[in-house]
Amino acid sequence: MARSNALGLFGGPKAALAAAGKLRGEGFESLDLISPIPLHGVEEVLGKKKSAIKRFTFFGAILGGLGGFTLAAGTAVLYLHPTGGRPIITFPPFLIITYEMTILLGILATVLGFLISARLPVFRERIYVPESAVDKFAVNVACDAEADFKRATEILREAGAEEVTEIAPGGGQ
């Protein structure tokens, strides 16, 4: 059997969270919980994911600061002006462009980090269940083998799934 997904539909959030927790406890790693409303307690069940956005912001700001200072200093060195004995590269006026470039590239890197973390734009088909946008809660688990699929189906049914279906890798049922 090729890689497939087991999808269970639940009428309430507690049953869906219980099923996701049981699947996680049984060793299933690739779980998705699809809900029409925000659920409290999902992080405890599925594990809290660390955000990489702050790293994007940090490195974007560092790159922007270095780039801004290099731009100002390089311009001052390339186009020399008589300064009356003062140094060519002075920090106070260069700090303005350094600050502005730090903020600019920090913000742009934050937006890029958000888009990457949110997996936008979507290059693969994600599973969408219309019922989960209205009044149902869905738990989707990826299964590598037939035995994993059967075990996941059992766990979903024991947790109170109203319906369990097999989703092919392309997203179709």
C-alpha atoms as a PDB file:
ATOM      1  CA  MET A   1       0.000   0.000   0.000  1.00  0.00           C
ATOM      2  CA  ALA A   2       1.314   3.421  -0.893  1.00  0.00           C
ATOM      3  CA  ARG A   3       1.334   6.223   1.619  1.00  0.00           C
ATOM      4  CA  SER A   4      -2.222   7.231   2.514  1.00  0.00           C
ATOM      5  CA  ASN A   5      -4.054   9.157   5.192  1.00  0.00           C
ATOM      6  CA  ALA A   6      -6.730   8.100   7.643  1.00  0.00           C
ATOM      7  CA  LEU A   7      -9.241  10.868   8.285  1.00  0.00           C
ATOM      8  CA  GLY A   8     -11.690  10.734  11.161  1.00  0.00           C
ATOM      9  CA  LEU A   9     -14.632  13.130  11.559  1.00  0.00           C
ATOM     10  CA  PHE A  10     -15.771  13.974  15.076  1.00  0.00           C
ATOM     11  CA  GLY A  11     -18.821  15.788  16.371  1.00  0.00           C
ATOM     12  CA  GLY A  12     -17.047  17.461  19.280  1.00  0.00           C
ATOM     13  CA  PRO A  13     -13.644  18.913  20.053  1.00  0.00           C
ATOM     14  CA  LYS A  14     -12.917  16.752  23.112  1.00  0.00           C
ATOM     15  CA  ALA A  15     -13.217  13.514  21.160  1.00  0.00           C
ATOM     16  CA  ALA A  16     -11.014  14.881  18.374  1.00  0.00           C
ATOM     17  CA  LEU A  17      -8.356  16.009  20.868  1.00  0.00           C
ATOM     18  CA  ALA A  18      -8.514  12.630  22.631  1.00  0.00           C
ATOM     19  CA  ALA A  19      -8.066  10.811  19.314  1.00  0.00           C
ATOM     20  CA  ALA A  20      -5.117  13.022  18.346  1.00  0.00           C
ATOM     21  CA  GLY A  21      -3.508  12.442  21.750  1.00  0.00           C
ATOM     22  CA  LYS A  22      -3.978   8.674  21.504  1.00  0.00           C
ATOM     23  CA  LEU A  23      -2.519   8.639  17.977  1.00  0.00           C
ATOM     24  CA  ARG A  24       0.464  10.711  19.135  1.00  0.00           C
ATOM     25  CA  GLY A  25       0.950   8.311  22.049  1.00  0.00           C
ATOM     26  CA  GLU A  26       0.906   5.327  19.689  1.00  0.00           C
ATOM     27  CA  GLY A  27       3.797   6.780  17.691  1.00  0.00           C
ATOM     28  CA  PHE A  28       2.083   8.532  14.790  1.00  0.00           C
ATOM     29  CA  GLU A  29       4.054  11.691  14.038  1.00  0.00           C
ATOM     30  CA  SER A  30       2.318  13.303  11.078  1.00  0.00           C
ATOM     31  CA  LEU A  31      -1.003  14.502  12.527  1.00  0.00           C
ATOM     32  CA  ASP A  32      -3.305  17.314  11.455  1.00  0.00           C
ATOM     33  CA  LEU A  33      -6.253  18.576  13.440  1.00  0.00           C
ATOM     34  CA  ILE A  34      -8.774  20.487  11.339  1.00  0.00           C
ATOM     35  CA  SER A  35     -11.274  22.559  13.290  1.00  0.00           C
ATOM     36  CA  PRO A  36     -13.953  25.151  12.523  1.00  0.00           C
ATOM     37  CA  ILE A  37     -13.074  27.050  15.720  1.00  0.00           C
ATOM     38  CA  PRO A  38      -9.868  27.687  17.685  1.00  0.00           C
ATOM     39  CA  LEU A  39      -9.213  24.822  20.109  1.00  0.00           C
ATOM     40  CA  HIS A  40      -7.541  25.244  23.456  1.00  0.00           C
ATOM     41  CA  GLY A  41      -5.250  22.405  24.409  1.00  0.00           C
ATOM     42  CA  VAL A  42      -4.029  21.521  20.924  1.00  0.00           C
ATOM     43  CA  GLU A  43      -0.448  22.419  21.866  1.00  0.00           C
ATOM     44  CA  GLU A  44      -0.537  19.993  24.801  1.00  0.00           C
ATOM     45  CA  VAL A  45      -1.814  17.176  22.582  1.00  0.00           C
ATOM     46  CA  LEU A  46       0.147  17.708  19.373  1.00  0.00           C
ATOM     47  CA  GLY A  47       3.164  19.388  20.909  1.00  0.00           C
ATOM     48  CA  LYS A  48       4.040  23.032  20.671  1.00  0.00           C
ATOM     49  CA  LYS A  49       5.883  23.928  17.507  1.00  0.00           C
ATOM     50  CA  LYS A  50       8.687  26.425  17.746  1.00  0.00           C
ATOM     51  CA  SER A  51       8.423  29.406  15.470  1.00  0.00           C
ATOM     52  CA  ALA A  52      11.363  30.236  13.242  1.00  0.00           C
ATOM     53  CA  ILE A  53      10.079  33.729  12.500  1.00  0.00           C
ATOM     54  CA  LYS A  54      12.181  35.357  15.224  1.00  0.00           C
ATOM     55  CA  ARG A  55      15.336  33.947  13.616  1.00  0.00           C
ATOM     56  CA  PHE A  56      14.337  35.409  10.255  1.00  0.00           C
ATOM     57  CA  THR A  57      13.808  38.786  11.946  1.00  0.00           C
ATOM     58  CA  PHE A  58      17.119  38.635  13.797  1.00  0.00           C
ATOM     59  CA  PHE A  59      19.232  37.691  10.790  1.00  0.00           C
ATOM     60  CA  GLY A  60      17.358  40.127   8.535  1.00  0.00           C
ATOM     61  CA  ALA A  61      18.036  42.943  11.015  1.00  0.00           C
ATOM     62  CA  ILE A  62      21.724  42.003  11.332  1.00  0.00           C
ATOM     63  CA  LEU A  63      22.075  41.859   7.551  1.00  0.00           C
ATOM     64  CA  GLY A  64      20.249  45.183   7.206  1.00  0.00           C
ATOM     65  CA  GLY A  65      22.426  46.904   9.812  1.00  0.00           C
ATOM     66  CA  LEU A  66      25.636  45.661   8.262  1.00  0.00           C
ATOM     67  CA  GLY A  67      24.395  46.490   4.785  1.00  0.00           C
ATOM     68  CA  GLY A  68      23.286  49.989   5.771  1.00  0.00           C
ATOM     69  CA  PHE A  69      26.581  50.842   7.423  1.00  0.00           C
ATOM     70  CA  THR A  70      28.533  49.344   4.519  1.00  0.00           C
ATOM     71  CA  LEU A  71      26.444  51.342   2.054  1.00  0.00           C
ATOM     72  CA  ALA A  72      27.073  54.630   3.870  1.00  0.00           C
ATOM     73  CA  ALA A  73      30.762  53.960   4.526  1.00  0.00           C
ATOM     74  CA  GLY A  74      31.372  52.690   1.004  1.00  0.00           C
ATOM     75  CA  THR A  75      29.717  55.750  -0.487  1.00  0.00           C
ATOM     76  CA  ALA A  76      31.827  58.043   1.697  1.00  0.00           C
ATOM     77  CA  VAL A  77      35.019  56.254   0.632  1.00  0.00           C
ATOM     78  CA  LEU A  78      34.117  56.138  -3.082  1.00  0.00           C
ATOM     79  CA  TYR A  79      33.080  59.780  -3.293  1.00  0.00           C
ATOM     80  CA  LEU A  80      35.535  61.628  -1.075  1.00  0.00           C
ATOM     81  CA  HIS A  81      34.605  65.123   0.057  1.00  0.00           C
ATOM     82  CA  PRO A  82      36.993  67.473   1.771  1.00  0.00           C
ATOM     83  CA  THR A  83      36.208  67.220   5.455  1.00  0.00           C
ATOM     84  CA  GLY A  84      38.692  69.655   6.969  1.00  0.00           C
ATOM     85  CA  GLY A  85      40.807  67.071   8.759  1.00  0.00           C
ATOM     86  CA  ARG A  86      37.869  65.051  10.130  1.00  0.00           C
ATOM     87  CA  PRO A  87      37.644  61.301   9.482  1.00  0.00           C
ATOM     88  CA  ILE A  88      35.959  60.151   6.284  1.00  0.00           C
ATOM     89  CA  ILE A  89      33.927  57.433   8.028  1.00  0.00           C
ATOM     90  CA  THR A  90      32.144  58.960  11.026  1.00  0.00           C
ATOM     91  CA  PHE A  91      29.625  56.991  13.027  1.00  0.00           C
ATOM     92  CA  PRO A  92      26.910  59.493  14.048  1.00  0.00           C
ATOM     93  CA  PRO A  93      25.617  60.353  10.558  1.00  0.00           C
ATOM     94  CA  PHE A  94      25.997  56.756   9.397  1.00  0.00           C
ATOM     95  CA  LEU A  95      23.873  55.440  12.264  1.00  0.00           C
ATOM     96  CA  ILE A  96      20.737  56.896  10.672  1.00  0.00           C
ATOM     97  CA  ILE A  97      20.996  54.818   7.491  1.00  0.00           C
ATOM     98  CA  THR A  98      22.189  51.843   9.549  1.00  0.00           C
ATOM     99  CA  TYR A  99      19.084  52.078  11.755  1.00  0.00           C
ATOM    100  CA  GLU A 100      16.715  52.485   8.814  1.00  0.00           C
ATOM    101  CA  MET A 101      18.193  49.538   6.918  1.00  0.00           C
ATOM    102  CA  THR A 102      18.089  47.416  10.086  1.00  0.00           C
ATOM    103  CA  ILE A 103      14.364  48.072  10.463  1.00  0.00           C
ATOM    104  CA  LEU A 104      13.631  47.646   6.744  1.00  0.00           C
ATOM    105  CA  LEU A 105      15.387  44.317   6.274  1.00  0.00           C
ATOM    106  CA  GLY A 106      14.157  43.086   9.673  1.00  0.00           C
ATOM    107  CA  ILE A 107      10.551  43.688   8.604  1.00  0.00           C
ATOM    108  CA  LEU A 108      11.038  42.169   5.141  1.00  0.00           C
ATOM    109  CA  ALA A 109      12.697  39.101   6.657  1.00  0.00           C
ATOM    110  CA  THR A 110       9.815  38.789   9.156  1.00  0.00           C
ATOM    111  CA  VAL A 111       7.273  38.777   6.323  1.00  0.00           C
ATOM    112  CA  LEU A 112       9.361  36.213   4.421  1.00  0.00           C
ATOM    113  CA  GLY A 113       9.662  34.079   7.572  1.00  0.00           C
ATOM    114  CA  PHE A 114       5.906  34.236   8.091  1.00  0.00           C
ATOM    115  CA  LEU A 115       5.201  33.136   4.536  1.00  0.00           C
ATOM    116  CA  ILE A 116       7.655  30.245   4.837  1.00  0.00           C
ATOM    117  CA  SER A 117       6.337  29.189   8.274  1.00  0.00           C
ATOM    118  CA  ALA A 118       2.741  29.342   7.062  1.00  0.00           C
ATOM    119  CA  ARG A 119       3.771  27.277   4.025  1.00  0.00           C
ATOM    120  CA  LEU A 120       2.449  29.922   1.647  1.00  0.00           C
ATOM    121  CA  PRO A 121       2.029  29.701  -1.239  1.00  0.00           C
ATOM    122  CA  VAL A 122       0.863  26.108  -1.117  1.00  0.00           C
ATOM    123  CA  PHE A 123       2.781  23.959  -3.578  1.00  0.00           C
ATOM    124  CA  ARG A 124       1.170  20.690  -2.545  1.00  0.00           C
ATOM    125  CA  GLU A 125      -2.446  19.791  -2.132  1.00  0.00           C
ATOM    126  CA  ARG A 126      -3.617  19.970   1.441  1.00  0.00           C
ATOM    127  CA  ILE A 127      -6.480  17.918   2.697  1.00  0.00           C
ATOM    128  CA  TYR A 128      -9.670  19.915   2.947  1.00  0.00           C
ATOM    129  CA  VAL A 129     -12.835  18.572   4.508  1.00  0.00           C
ATOM    130  CA  PRO A 130     -15.848  20.846   3.948  1.00  0.00           C
ATOM    131  CA  GLU A 131     -17.586  19.537   7.071  1.00  0.00           C
ATOM    132  CA  SER A 132     -14.682  20.733   9.224  1.00  0.00           C
ATOM    133  CA  ALA A 133     -15.349  24.296   8.113  1.00  0.00           C
ATOM    134  CA  VAL A 134     -18.881  24.154   9.504  1.00  0.00           C
ATOM    135  CA  ASP A 135     -19.517  21.867  12.461  1.00  0.00           C
ATOM    136  CA  LYS A 136     -17.174  18.851  12.465  1.00  0.00           C
ATOM    137  CA  PHE A 137     -13.672  18.296  13.779  1.00  0.00           C
ATOM    138  CA  ALA A 138     -11.288  16.236  11.658  1.00  0.00           C
ATOM    139  CA  VAL A 139      -8.162  14.338  12.637  1.00  0.00           C
ATOM    140  CA  ASN A 140      -5.903  13.409   9.744  1.00  0.00           C
ATOM    141  CA  VAL A 141      -3.009  10.993  10.213  1.00  0.00           C
ATOM    142  CA  ALA A 142      -0.476   9.930   7.583  1.00  0.00           C
ATOM    143  CA  CYS A 143       0.115   6.188   7.364  1.00  0.00           C
ATOM    144  CA  ASP A 144       3.032   4.505   5.614  1.00  0.00           C
ATOM    145  CA  ALA A 145       1.819   0.904   5.635  1.00  0.00           C
ATOM    146  CA  GLU A 146      -1.441  -1.040   5.656  1.00  0.00           C
ATOM    147  CA  ALA A 147      -0.897  -2.077   9.290  1.00  0.00           C
ATOM    148  CA  ASP A 148      -0.445   1.568  10.325  1.00  0.00           C
ATOM    149  CA  PHE A 149      -3.624   2.517   8.483  1.00  0.00           C
ATOM    150  CA  LYS A 150      -5.627  -0.225  10.213  1.00  0.00           C
ATOM    151  CA  ARG A 151      -4.243   0.734  13.626  1.00  0.00           C
ATOM    152  CA  ALA A 152      -5.002   4.426  13.029  1.00  0.00           C
ATOM    153  CA  THR A 153      -8.531   3.564  11.887  1.00  0.00           C
ATOM    154  CA  GLU A 154      -9.100   1.511  15.044  1.00  0.00           C
ATOM    155  CA  ILE A 155      -7.871   4.330  17.270  1.00  0.00           C
ATOM    156  CA  LEU A 156     -10.067   6.874  15.505  1.00  0.00           C
ATOM    157  CA  ARG A 157     -13.162   4.668  15.810  1.00  0.00           C
ATOM    158  CA  GLU A 158     -12.455   3.897  19.492  1.00  0.00           C
ATOM    159  CA  ALA A 159     -12.187   7.630  20.185  1.00  0.00           C
ATOM    160  CA  GLY A 160     -15.682   8.174  18.773  1.00  0.00           C
ATOM    161  CA  ALA A 161     -15.186   9.099  15.138  1.00  0.00           C
ATOM    162  CA  GLU A 162     -18.485   9.390  13.300  1.00  0.00           C
ATOM    163  CA  GLU A 163     -16.800   8.535  10.021  1.00  0.00           C
ATOM    164  CA  VAL A 164     -13.330   7.282   9.065  1.00  0.00           C
ATOM    165  CA  THR A 165     -12.174   7.534   5.453  1.00  0.00           C
ATOM    166  CA  GLU A 166      -9.014   6.848   3.516  1.00  0.00           C
ATOM    167  CA  ILE A 167      -7.498   9.829   1.726  1.00  0.00           C
ATOM    168  CA  ALA A 168      -5.166   9.147  -1.187  1.00  0.00           C
ATOM    169  CA  PRO A 169      -1.850  11.059  -1.304  1.00  0.00           C
ATOM    170  CA  GLY A 170      -3.217  13.471  -3.961  1.00  0.00           C
ATOM    171  CA  GLY A 171      -5.929  14.632  -1.564  1.00  0.00           C
ATOM    172  CA  GLY A 172      -8.852  12.734  -3.114  1.00  0.00           C
ATOM    173  CA  GLN A 173     -11.040  10.339  -1.189  1.00  0.00           C
END
